[in-house]
């Protein structure tokens, strides 16, 4: 028993010594990279994941930790420098996730540190591949497309992907539908809502999404009539009442949420006054006065 205890003690001491040696090595190596940064302009000067794996044995996760920590320090040390471009940030984050592809925090929090929105999107897309059932990754990508790039169609695409993942809250398919609507993709907007309507067991959500489906179907029909009006008369109608006057429709449908439909003068698209993404004409608050 005594010899076994001594053997275990020696093995433990050797493991601790190896860890300390690796810790010092990576700290010195990455510190050297950071110190020489001003002389470099290309992130390719960072050590590759393959090269680091050769020297870190089976401690890929430990190496990823050091790279991630260095990236956080690098960001924090230059955060208040106006105009600083953070050229190394993207390389550091991708190096960390190459070493440890399941390093969730680097994808999630690292994407917020990158100076370029396209780099953030690519990092999150990389995370999607390794966390295919996590709805938050495509939802965040959709947010980036919406908030920074004003790309409603791409935002809707990723919100729709997020809406198919387990655990996603109801606002995800709802926003996917709204963004598709804003992008003029009414069929896609209806498809997303129907998928949620068919799968949810909550009666309150079925009722709300059912009304939203009716709303979009009505908007789709009215838009077809507006486009037909344009084909016949060579210009778009200013109001939906013109469709009645020209005999294209007998009466306007009742907006299911108590609002009204109107034609947006900027893009000639039919919209609802109850949609938070729209700006109804001032002073028009009664149904049918669009």
C-alpha atoms as a PDB file:
ATOM      1  CA  UNK A   1       0.000   0.000   0.000  1.00  0.00           C
ATOM      2  CA  UNK A   2       2.834   2.366   0.824  1.00  0.00           C
ATOM      3  CA  UNK A   3       4.492   1.836  -2.557  1.00  0.00           C
ATOM      4  CA  UNK A   4       1.155   2.410  -4.358  1.00  0.00           C
ATOM      5  CA  UNK A   5       0.582   5.660  -2.471  1.00  0.00           C
ATOM      6  CA  UNK A   6       4.092   6.827  -3.344  1.00  0.00           C
ATOM      7  CA  UNK A   7       3.520   5.920  -7.008  1.00  0.00           C
ATOM      8  CA  UNK A   8       0.234   7.825  -7.064  1.00  0.00           C
ATOM      9  CA  UNK A   9       1.895  10.815  -5.422  1.00  0.00           C
ATOM     10  CA  UNK A  10       4.698  10.822  -7.993  1.00  0.00           C
ATOM     11  CA  UNK A  11       2.253  10.529 -10.899  1.00  0.00           C
ATOM     12  CA  UNK A  12       0.127  13.372  -9.503  1.00  0.00           C
ATOM     13  CA  UNK A  13       3.210  15.535  -9.048  1.00  0.00           C
ATOM     14  CA  UNK A  14       4.333  14.849 -12.629  1.00  0.00           C
ATOM     15  CA  UNK A  15       0.879  15.717 -13.994  1.00  0.00           C
ATOM     16  CA  UNK A  16       0.831  18.976 -12.025  1.00  0.00           C
ATOM     17  CA  UNK A  17       4.354  19.782 -13.204  1.00  0.00           C
ATOM     18  CA  UNK A  18       3.363  19.090 -16.816  1.00  0.00           C
ATOM     19  CA  UNK A  19       0.329  21.352 -16.497  1.00  0.00           C
ATOM     20  CA  UNK A  20       2.409  24.134 -14.995  1.00  0.00           C
ATOM     21  CA  UNK A  21       4.982  23.760 -17.774  1.00  0.00           C
ATOM     22  CA  UNK A  22       2.308  23.941 -20.450  1.00  0.00           C
ATOM     23  CA  UNK A  23       0.724  26.922 -18.709  1.00  0.00           C
ATOM     24  CA  UNK A  24       4.007  28.827 -18.700  1.00  0.00           C
ATOM     25  CA  UNK A  25       4.738  27.815 -22.315  1.00  0.00           C
ATOM     26  CA  UNK A  26       1.431  28.993 -23.732  1.00  0.00           C
ATOM     27  CA  UNK A  27       1.467  32.142 -21.652  1.00  0.00           C
ATOM     28  CA  UNK A  28       4.918  33.073 -22.911  1.00  0.00           C
ATOM     29  CA  UNK A  29       4.077  32.115 -26.494  1.00  0.00           C
ATOM     30  CA  UNK A  30       0.873  34.112 -26.658  1.00  0.00           C
ATOM     31  CA  UNK A  31       2.407  37.031 -24.783  1.00  0.00           C
ATOM     32  CA  UNK A  32       5.127  37.140 -27.420  1.00  0.00           C
ATOM     33  CA  UNK A  33       2.478  37.251 -30.138  1.00  0.00           C
ATOM     34  CA  UNK A  34       0.693  40.090 -28.368  1.00  0.00           C
ATOM     35  CA  UNK A  35       3.897  42.095 -27.845  1.00  0.00           C
ATOM     36  CA  UNK A  36       4.915  41.803 -31.485  1.00  0.00           C
ATOM     37  CA  UNK A  37       1.449  42.690 -32.748  1.00  0.00           C
ATOM     38  CA  UNK A  38       2.301  46.287 -33.788  1.00  0.00           C
ATOM     39  CA  UNK A  39       4.797  44.974 -36.351  1.00  0.00           C
ATOM     40  CA  UNK A  40       2.200  42.673 -37.957  1.00  0.00           C
ATOM     41  CA  UNK A  41      -0.802  43.552 -40.106  1.00  0.00           C
ATOM     42  CA  UNK A  42      -1.952  40.041 -41.053  1.00  0.00           C
ATOM     43  CA  UNK A  43      -3.625  37.725 -38.493  1.00  0.00           C
ATOM     44  CA  UNK A  44      -2.011  34.779 -40.323  1.00  0.00           C
ATOM     45  CA  UNK A  45       1.004  35.315 -38.059  1.00  0.00           C
ATOM     46  CA  UNK A  46      -0.965  33.705 -35.231  1.00  0.00           C
ATOM     47  CA  UNK A  47       0.061  30.100 -34.571  1.00  0.00           C
ATOM     48  CA  UNK A  48      -2.221  27.626 -36.310  1.00  0.00           C
ATOM     49  CA  UNK A  49      -4.432  25.200 -34.408  1.00  0.00           C
ATOM     50  CA  UNK A  50      -2.510  22.307 -35.940  1.00  0.00           C
ATOM     51  CA  UNK A  51       0.812  23.669 -34.692  1.00  0.00           C
ATOM     52  CA  UNK A  52      -0.541  24.209 -31.186  1.00  0.00           C
ATOM     53  CA  UNK A  53      -1.974  20.695 -31.057  1.00  0.00           C
ATOM     54  CA  UNK A  54       1.478  19.282 -31.702  1.00  0.00           C
ATOM     55  CA  UNK A  55       2.877  20.872 -28.556  1.00  0.00           C
ATOM     56  CA  UNK A  56      -0.121  20.730 -26.223  1.00  0.00           C
ATOM     57  CA  UNK A  57      -0.546  16.943 -26.400  1.00  0.00           C
ATOM     58  CA  UNK A  58      -4.123  16.203 -25.314  1.00  0.00           C
ATOM     59  CA  UNK A  59      -4.699  19.609 -23.737  1.00  0.00           C
ATOM     60  CA  UNK A  60      -6.511  21.243 -26.689  1.00  0.00           C
ATOM     61  CA  UNK A  61      -9.134  22.621 -24.322  1.00  0.00           C
ATOM     62  CA  UNK A  62      -6.487  24.233 -22.127  1.00  0.00           C
ATOM     63  CA  UNK A  63      -4.867  25.837 -25.162  1.00  0.00           C
ATOM     64  CA  UNK A  64      -8.269  27.118 -26.295  1.00  0.00           C
ATOM     65  CA  UNK A  65      -8.770  28.644 -22.838  1.00  0.00           C
ATOM     66  CA  UNK A  66      -5.515  30.564 -23.092  1.00  0.00           C
ATOM     67  CA  UNK A  67      -6.286  31.833 -26.587  1.00  0.00           C
ATOM     68  CA  UNK A  68      -9.764  32.947 -25.494  1.00  0.00           C
ATOM     69  CA  UNK A  69      -8.372  34.695 -22.412  1.00  0.00           C
ATOM     70  CA  UNK A  70      -5.761  36.441 -24.525  1.00  0.00           C
ATOM     71  CA  UNK A  71      -8.477  37.535 -26.913  1.00  0.00           C
ATOM     72  CA  UNK A  72     -10.530  38.978 -24.080  1.00  0.00           C
ATOM     73  CA  UNK A  73      -7.468  40.793 -22.681  1.00  0.00           C
ATOM     74  CA  UNK A  74      -6.562  42.036 -26.148  1.00  0.00           C
ATOM     75  CA  UNK A  75     -10.059  43.458 -26.588  1.00  0.00           C
ATOM     76  CA  UNK A  76     -10.205  44.998 -23.135  1.00  0.00           C
ATOM     77  CA  UNK A  77      -6.782  46.608 -23.352  1.00  0.00           C
ATOM     78  CA  UNK A  78      -7.714  48.468 -26.551  1.00  0.00           C
ATOM     79  CA  UNK A  79     -11.420  49.021 -25.959  1.00  0.00           C
ATOM     80  CA  UNK A  80     -11.083  52.726 -25.155  1.00  0.00           C
ATOM     81  CA  UNK A  81      -8.715  53.470 -28.040  1.00  0.00           C
ATOM     82  CA  UNK A  82     -10.782  55.385 -30.552  1.00  0.00           C
ATOM     83  CA  UNK A  83     -10.561  53.934 -34.042  1.00  0.00           C
ATOM     84  CA  UNK A  84      -8.671  50.802 -33.009  1.00  0.00           C
ATOM     85  CA  UNK A  85      -9.415  48.098 -35.592  1.00  0.00           C
ATOM     86  CA  UNK A  86      -8.855  44.885 -33.583  1.00  0.00           C
ATOM     87  CA  UNK A  87      -7.256  43.090 -36.526  1.00  0.00           C
ATOM     88  CA  UNK A  88      -6.236  40.137 -34.353  1.00  0.00           C
ATOM     89  CA  UNK A  89      -9.629  39.532 -32.772  1.00  0.00           C
ATOM     90  CA  UNK A  90     -11.131  37.396 -35.517  1.00  0.00           C
ATOM     91  CA  UNK A  91      -7.995  35.249 -35.756  1.00  0.00           C
ATOM     92  CA  UNK A  92      -7.868  34.661 -31.997  1.00  0.00           C
ATOM     93  CA  UNK A  93     -11.499  33.625 -31.764  1.00  0.00           C
ATOM     94  CA  UNK A  94     -11.293  31.276 -34.717  1.00  0.00           C
ATOM     95  CA  UNK A  95      -8.082  29.789 -33.329  1.00  0.00           C
ATOM     96  CA  UNK A  96      -9.795  29.116 -29.992  1.00  0.00           C
ATOM     97  CA  UNK A  97     -12.773  27.440 -31.686  1.00  0.00           C
ATOM     98  CA  UNK A  98     -10.496  25.435 -33.985  1.00  0.00           C
ATOM     99  CA  UNK A  99      -8.749  24.060 -30.913  1.00  0.00           C
ATOM    100  CA  UNK A 100     -12.035  23.399 -29.141  1.00  0.00           C
ATOM    101  CA  UNK A 101     -14.989  23.335 -31.586  1.00  0.00           C
ATOM    102  CA  UNK A 102     -17.439  22.915 -28.677  1.00  0.00           C
ATOM    103  CA  UNK A 103     -16.301  26.072 -26.862  1.00  0.00           C
ATOM    104  CA  UNK A 104     -19.778  27.589 -26.691  1.00  0.00           C
ATOM    105  CA  UNK A 105     -18.839  30.830 -24.918  1.00  0.00           C
ATOM    106  CA  UNK A 106     -16.283  31.824 -27.556  1.00  0.00           C
ATOM    107  CA  UNK A 107     -18.912  31.659 -30.300  1.00  0.00           C
ATOM    108  CA  UNK A 108     -21.587  33.371 -28.249  1.00  0.00           C
ATOM    109  CA  UNK A 109     -19.674  36.113 -26.431  1.00  0.00           C
ATOM    110  CA  UNK A 110     -16.814  36.373 -28.914  1.00  0.00           C
ATOM    111  CA  UNK A 111     -19.193  37.359 -31.712  1.00  0.00           C
ATOM    112  CA  UNK A 112     -20.047  40.514 -29.756  1.00  0.00           C
ATOM    113  CA  UNK A 113     -16.370  41.520 -29.588  1.00  0.00           C
ATOM    114  CA  UNK A 114     -15.641  41.430 -33.305  1.00  0.00           C
ATOM    115  CA  UNK A 115     -15.452  44.808 -35.052  1.00  0.00           C
ATOM    116  CA  UNK A 116     -16.994  43.529 -38.289  1.00  0.00           C
ATOM    117  CA  UNK A 117     -20.581  42.256 -38.406  1.00  0.00           C
ATOM    118  CA  UNK A 118     -19.775  39.806 -41.204  1.00  0.00           C
ATOM    119  CA  UNK A 119     -17.052  38.267 -39.038  1.00  0.00           C
ATOM    120  CA  UNK A 120     -19.557  37.956 -36.197  1.00  0.00           C
ATOM    121  CA  UNK A 121     -22.025  36.201 -38.483  1.00  0.00           C
ATOM    122  CA  UNK A 122     -19.390  33.779 -39.773  1.00  0.00           C
ATOM    123  CA  UNK A 123     -18.299  32.911 -36.217  1.00  0.00           C
ATOM    124  CA  UNK A 124     -21.900  32.231 -35.192  1.00  0.00           C
ATOM    125  CA  UNK A 125     -22.471  30.138 -38.327  1.00  0.00           C
ATOM    126  CA  UNK A 126     -19.422  28.125 -37.308  1.00  0.00           C
ATOM    127  CA  UNK A 127     -21.032  27.636 -33.910  1.00  0.00           C
ATOM    128  CA  UNK A 128     -24.295  26.521 -35.560  1.00  0.00           C
ATOM    129  CA  UNK A 129     -22.494  23.587 -37.159  1.00  0.00           C
ATOM    130  CA  UNK A 130     -21.325  22.306 -33.783  1.00  0.00           C
ATOM    131  CA  UNK A 131     -24.538  23.165 -31.891  1.00  0.00           C
ATOM    132  CA  UNK A 132     -27.202  22.282 -34.478  1.00  0.00           C
ATOM    133  CA  UNK A 133     -30.066  22.169 -31.953  1.00  0.00           C
ATOM    134  CA  UNK A 134     -29.333  25.495 -30.259  1.00  0.00           C
ATOM    135  CA  UNK A 135     -31.943  28.018 -31.458  1.00  0.00           C
ATOM    136  CA  UNK A 136     -29.988  30.959 -30.066  1.00  0.00           C
ATOM    137  CA  UNK A 137     -27.265  30.807 -32.725  1.00  0.00           C
ATOM    138  CA  UNK A 138     -29.501  31.309 -35.788  1.00  0.00           C
ATOM    139  CA  UNK A 139     -31.629  33.783 -33.820  1.00  0.00           C
ATOM    140  CA  UNK A 140     -28.565  35.905 -33.056  1.00  0.00           C
ATOM    141  CA  UNK A 141     -27.437  35.757 -36.692  1.00  0.00           C
ATOM    142  CA  UNK A 142     -30.901  36.937 -37.701  1.00  0.00           C
ATOM    143  CA  UNK A 143     -30.587  39.815 -35.249  1.00  0.00           C
ATOM    144  CA  UNK A 144     -27.264  40.863 -36.777  1.00  0.00           C
ATOM    145  CA  UNK A 145     -28.772  40.848 -40.267  1.00  0.00           C
ATOM    146  CA  UNK A 146     -31.718  42.895 -39.063  1.00  0.00           C
ATOM    147  CA  UNK A 147     -30.076  45.421 -36.748  1.00  0.00           C
ATOM    148  CA  UNK A 148     -26.763  46.083 -38.493  1.00  0.00           C
ATOM    149  CA  UNK A 149     -27.413  45.224 -42.146  1.00  0.00           C
ATOM    150  CA  UNK A 150     -31.156  46.018 -42.427  1.00  0.00           C
ATOM    151  CA  UNK A 151     -31.487  42.794 -44.424  1.00  0.00           C
ATOM    152  CA  UNK A 152     -35.005  41.612 -43.572  1.00  0.00           C
ATOM    153  CA  UNK A 153     -34.963  38.604 -45.888  1.00  0.00           C
ATOM    154  CA  UNK A 154     -31.754  37.142 -44.443  1.00  0.00           C
ATOM    155  CA  UNK A 155     -32.933  37.946 -40.925  1.00  0.00           C
ATOM    156  CA  UNK A 156     -36.193  36.116 -41.597  1.00  0.00           C
ATOM    157  CA  UNK A 157     -34.305  33.117 -43.007  1.00  0.00           C
ATOM    158  CA  UNK A 158     -32.292  32.619 -39.819  1.00  0.00           C
ATOM    159  CA  UNK A 159     -35.241  33.320 -37.540  1.00  0.00           C
ATOM    160  CA  UNK A 160     -37.108  30.617 -39.446  1.00  0.00           C
ATOM    161  CA  UNK A 161     -34.209  28.215 -38.867  1.00  0.00           C
ATOM    162  CA  UNK A 162     -34.307  29.105 -35.168  1.00  0.00           C
ATOM    163  CA  UNK A 163     -38.070  28.490 -35.116  1.00  0.00           C
ATOM    164  CA  UNK A 164     -37.484  24.822 -36.001  1.00  0.00           C
ATOM    165  CA  UNK A 165     -35.167  24.190 -33.040  1.00  0.00           C
ATOM    166  CA  UNK A 166     -36.320  22.713 -29.722  1.00  0.00           C
ATOM    167  CA  UNK A 167     -36.984  25.131 -26.898  1.00  0.00           C
ATOM    168  CA  UNK A 168     -37.425  28.232 -29.066  1.00  0.00           C
ATOM    169  CA  UNK A 169     -39.886  30.746 -27.590  1.00  0.00           C
ATOM    170  CA  UNK A 170     -42.980  31.856 -29.568  1.00  0.00           C
ATOM    171  CA  UNK A 171     -41.475  35.220 -30.496  1.00  0.00           C
ATOM    172  CA  UNK A 172     -38.993  33.484 -32.813  1.00  0.00           C
ATOM    173  CA  UNK A 173     -41.474  32.222 -35.443  1.00  0.00           C
ATOM    174  CA  UNK A 174     -43.510  35.392 -34.967  1.00  0.00           C
ATOM    175  CA  UNK A 175     -40.527  37.585 -35.838  1.00  0.00           C
ATOM    176  CA  UNK A 176     -39.553  35.293 -38.713  1.00  0.00           C
ATOM    177  CA  UNK A 177     -42.983  35.862 -40.195  1.00  0.00           C
ATOM    178  CA  UNK A 178     -42.863  39.622 -39.665  1.00  0.00           C
ATOM    179  CA  UNK A 179     -39.444  39.941 -41.266  1.00  0.00           C
ATOM    180  CA  UNK A 180     -40.539  37.848 -44.255  1.00  0.00           C
ATOM    181  CA  UNK A 181     -43.556  40.135 -44.551  1.00  0.00           C
ATOM    182  CA  UNK A 182     -41.339  43.207 -44.464  1.00  0.00           C
ATOM    183  CA  UNK A 183     -39.191  41.640 -47.189  1.00  0.00           C
ATOM    184  CA  UNK A 184     -42.282  41.062 -49.330  1.00  0.00           C
ATOM    185  CA  UNK A 185     -42.110  37.267 -48.934  1.00  0.00           C
ATOM    186  CA  UNK A 186     -45.733  36.662 -47.897  1.00  0.00           C
ATOM    187  CA  UNK A 187     -45.804  32.962 -48.806  1.00  0.00           C
ATOM    188  CA  UNK A 188     -42.763  32.335 -46.607  1.00  0.00           C
ATOM    189  CA  UNK A 189     -44.321  34.383 -43.794  1.00  0.00           C
ATOM    190  CA  UNK A 190     -47.499  32.308 -43.912  1.00  0.00           C
ATOM    191  CA  UNK A 191     -45.490  29.074 -44.072  1.00  0.00           C
ATOM    192  CA  UNK A 192     -43.599  29.873 -40.856  1.00  0.00           C
ATOM    193  CA  UNK A 193     -46.783  30.680 -38.969  1.00  0.00           C
ATOM    194  CA  UNK A 194     -48.567  27.566 -40.206  1.00  0.00           C
ATOM    195  CA  UNK A 195     -45.676  25.374 -39.112  1.00  0.00           C
ATOM    196  CA  UNK A 196     -45.868  26.826 -35.615  1.00  0.00           C
ATOM    197  CA  UNK A 197     -49.675  26.704 -35.588  1.00  0.00           C
ATOM    198  CA  UNK A 198     -49.641  23.009 -36.471  1.00  0.00           C
ATOM    199  CA  UNK A 199     -47.090  22.076 -33.801  1.00  0.00           C
ATOM    200  CA  UNK A 200     -47.968  24.202 -30.761  1.00  0.00           C
ATOM    201  CA  UNK A 201     -50.351  22.812 -28.141  1.00  0.00           C
ATOM    202  CA  UNK A 202     -51.094  26.142 -26.496  1.00  0.00           C
ATOM    203  CA  UNK A 203     -54.599  27.354 -27.273  1.00  0.00           C
ATOM    204  CA  UNK A 204     -53.759  31.022 -26.760  1.00  0.00           C
ATOM    205  CA  UNK A 205     -50.900  30.836 -29.258  1.00  0.00           C
ATOM    206  CA  UNK A 206     -53.004  28.902 -31.746  1.00  0.00           C
ATOM    207  CA  UNK A 207     -55.606  31.660 -31.584  1.00  0.00           C
ATOM    208  CA  UNK A 208     -53.059  34.460 -31.996  1.00  0.00           C
ATOM    209  CA  UNK A 209     -51.128  32.777 -34.795  1.00  0.00           C
ATOM    210  CA  UNK A 210     -54.364  31.740 -36.495  1.00  0.00           C
ATOM    211  CA  UNK A 211     -55.448  35.383 -36.659  1.00  0.00           C
ATOM    212  CA  UNK A 212     -52.032  36.368 -37.957  1.00  0.00           C
ATOM    213  CA  UNK A 213     -52.320  33.778 -40.735  1.00  0.00           C
ATOM    214  CA  UNK A 214     -55.717  35.208 -41.718  1.00  0.00           C
ATOM    215  CA  UNK A 215     -54.206  38.709 -41.699  1.00  0.00           C
ATOM    216  CA  UNK A 216     -51.360  37.706 -44.022  1.00  0.00           C
ATOM    217  CA  UNK A 217     -53.707  35.853 -46.361  1.00  0.00           C
ATOM    218  CA  UNK A 218     -55.847  38.978 -46.612  1.00  0.00           C
ATOM    219  CA  UNK A 219     -52.793  41.153 -47.240  1.00  0.00           C
ATOM    220  CA  UNK A 220     -51.647  38.734 -49.942  1.00  0.00           C
ATOM    221  CA  UNK A 221     -55.021  38.924 -51.713  1.00  0.00           C
ATOM    222  CA  UNK A 222     -55.175  42.713 -51.466  1.00  0.00           C
ATOM    223  CA  UNK A 223     -51.626  42.989 -52.793  1.00  0.00           C
ATOM    224  CA  UNK A 224     -52.559  40.880 -55.808  1.00  0.00           C
ATOM    225  CA  UNK A 225     -55.458  43.258 -56.502  1.00  0.00           C
ATOM    226  CA  UNK A 226     -53.220  46.325 -56.102  1.00  0.00           C
ATOM    227  CA  UNK A 227     -50.765  44.833 -58.594  1.00  0.00           C
ATOM    228  CA  UNK A 228     -53.630  44.040 -60.979  1.00  0.00           C
ATOM    229  CA  UNK A 229     -54.815  47.640 -60.691  1.00  0.00           C
ATOM    230  CA  UNK A 230     -51.322  48.751 -61.694  1.00  0.00           C
ATOM    231  CA  UNK A 231     -51.328  46.389 -64.681  1.00  0.00           C
ATOM    232  CA  UNK A 232     -54.670  47.762 -65.873  1.00  0.00           C
ATOM    233  CA  UNK A 233     -54.258  51.496 -65.234  1.00  0.00           C
ATOM    234  CA  UNK A 234     -50.483  51.940 -65.375  1.00  0.00           C
ATOM    235  CA  UNK A 235     -50.151  53.318 -61.860  1.00  0.00           C
ATOM    236  CA  UNK A 236     -50.725  52.170 -58.304  1.00  0.00           C
ATOM    237  CA  UNK A 237     -53.860  53.179 -56.383  1.00  0.00           C
ATOM    238  CA  UNK A 238     -53.332  55.628 -53.547  1.00  0.00           C
ATOM    239  CA  UNK A 239     -55.901  53.942 -51.312  1.00  0.00           C
ATOM    240  CA  UNK A 240     -57.574  50.575 -51.096  1.00  0.00           C
ATOM    241  CA  UNK A 241     -60.922  52.292 -51.680  1.00  0.00           C
ATOM    242  CA  UNK A 242     -59.868  52.621 -55.331  1.00  0.00           C
ATOM    243  CA  UNK A 243     -60.141  48.836 -55.652  1.00  0.00           C
ATOM    244  CA  UNK A 244     -63.805  49.076 -54.705  1.00  0.00           C
ATOM    245  CA  UNK A 245     -64.474  52.010 -57.039  1.00  0.00           C
ATOM    246  CA  UNK A 246     -62.951  50.119 -59.963  1.00  0.00           C
ATOM    247  CA  UNK A 247     -64.909  46.968 -59.195  1.00  0.00           C
ATOM    248  CA  UNK A 248     -61.897  44.817 -58.328  1.00  0.00           C
ATOM    249  CA  UNK A 249     -63.352  43.976 -54.916  1.00  0.00           C
ATOM    250  CA  UNK A 250     -66.778  44.475 -53.351  1.00  0.00           C
ATOM    251  CA  UNK A 251     -65.622  45.340 -49.842  1.00  0.00           C
ATOM    252  CA  UNK A 252     -62.406  45.416 -47.857  1.00  0.00           C
ATOM    253  CA  UNK A 253     -61.781  42.519 -45.475  1.00  0.00           C
ATOM    254  CA  UNK A 254     -62.001  43.102 -41.745  1.00  0.00           C
ATOM    255  CA  UNK A 255     -58.538  43.269 -40.169  1.00  0.00           C
ATOM    256  CA  UNK A 256     -58.558  40.457 -37.564  1.00  0.00           C
ATOM    257  CA  UNK A 257     -56.748  42.460 -34.870  1.00  0.00           C
ATOM    258  CA  UNK A 258     -59.102  45.457 -35.066  1.00  0.00           C
ATOM    259  CA  UNK A 259     -56.934  47.679 -37.253  1.00  0.00           C
ATOM    260  CA  UNK A 260     -57.096  48.484 -40.952  1.00  0.00           C
ATOM    261  CA  UNK A 261     -55.161  47.880 -44.153  1.00  0.00           C
ATOM    262  CA  UNK A 262     -53.519  50.605 -46.184  1.00  0.00           C
ATOM    263  CA  UNK A 263     -51.149  51.049 -49.117  1.00  0.00           C
ATOM    264  CA  UNK A 264     -47.693  52.272 -48.206  1.00  0.00           C
ATOM    265  CA  UNK A 265     -46.989  55.194 -50.583  1.00  0.00           C
ATOM    266  CA  UNK A 266     -43.251  54.464 -50.581  1.00  0.00           C
ATOM    267  CA  UNK A 267     -43.279  50.885 -51.867  1.00  0.00           C
ATOM    268  CA  UNK A 268     -46.968  50.430 -52.867  1.00  0.00           C
ATOM    269  CA  UNK A 269     -47.326  47.444 -50.566  1.00  0.00           C
ATOM    270  CA  UNK A 270     -50.407  46.586 -48.564  1.00  0.00           C
ATOM    271  CA  UNK A 271     -49.771  46.697 -44.822  1.00  0.00           C
ATOM    272  CA  UNK A 272     -51.689  46.555 -41.561  1.00  0.00           C
ATOM    273  CA  UNK A 273     -51.920  49.330 -39.013  1.00  0.00           C
ATOM    274  CA  UNK A 274     -51.500  46.752 -36.232  1.00  0.00           C
ATOM    275  CA  UNK A 275     -48.075  45.594 -37.434  1.00  0.00           C
ATOM    276  CA  UNK A 276     -45.406  47.240 -35.224  1.00  0.00           C
ATOM    277  CA  UNK A 277     -42.998  47.346 -38.191  1.00  0.00           C
ATOM    278  CA  UNK A 278     -45.289  49.609 -40.202  1.00  0.00           C
ATOM    279  CA  UNK A 279     -46.019  53.316 -39.962  1.00  0.00           C
ATOM    280  CA  UNK A 280     -49.677  53.951 -40.822  1.00  0.00           C
ATOM    281  CA  UNK A 281     -50.626  57.222 -42.543  1.00  0.00           C
ATOM    282  CA  UNK A 282     -51.268  59.954 -39.976  1.00  0.00           C
ATOM    283  CA  UNK A 283     -54.880  60.643 -39.092  1.00  0.00           C
ATOM    284  CA  UNK A 284     -56.193  57.419 -40.656  1.00  0.00           C
ATOM    285  CA  UNK A 285     -57.424  55.338 -37.804  1.00  0.00           C
ATOM    286  CA  UNK A 286     -60.644  53.811 -39.132  1.00  0.00           C
ATOM    287  CA  UNK A 287     -60.927  50.501 -40.931  1.00  0.00           C
ATOM    288  CA  UNK A 288     -60.941  50.879 -44.703  1.00  0.00           C
ATOM    289  CA  UNK A 289     -59.502  54.388 -44.808  1.00  0.00           C
ATOM    290  CA  UNK A 290     -56.120  53.212 -46.132  1.00  0.00           C
END
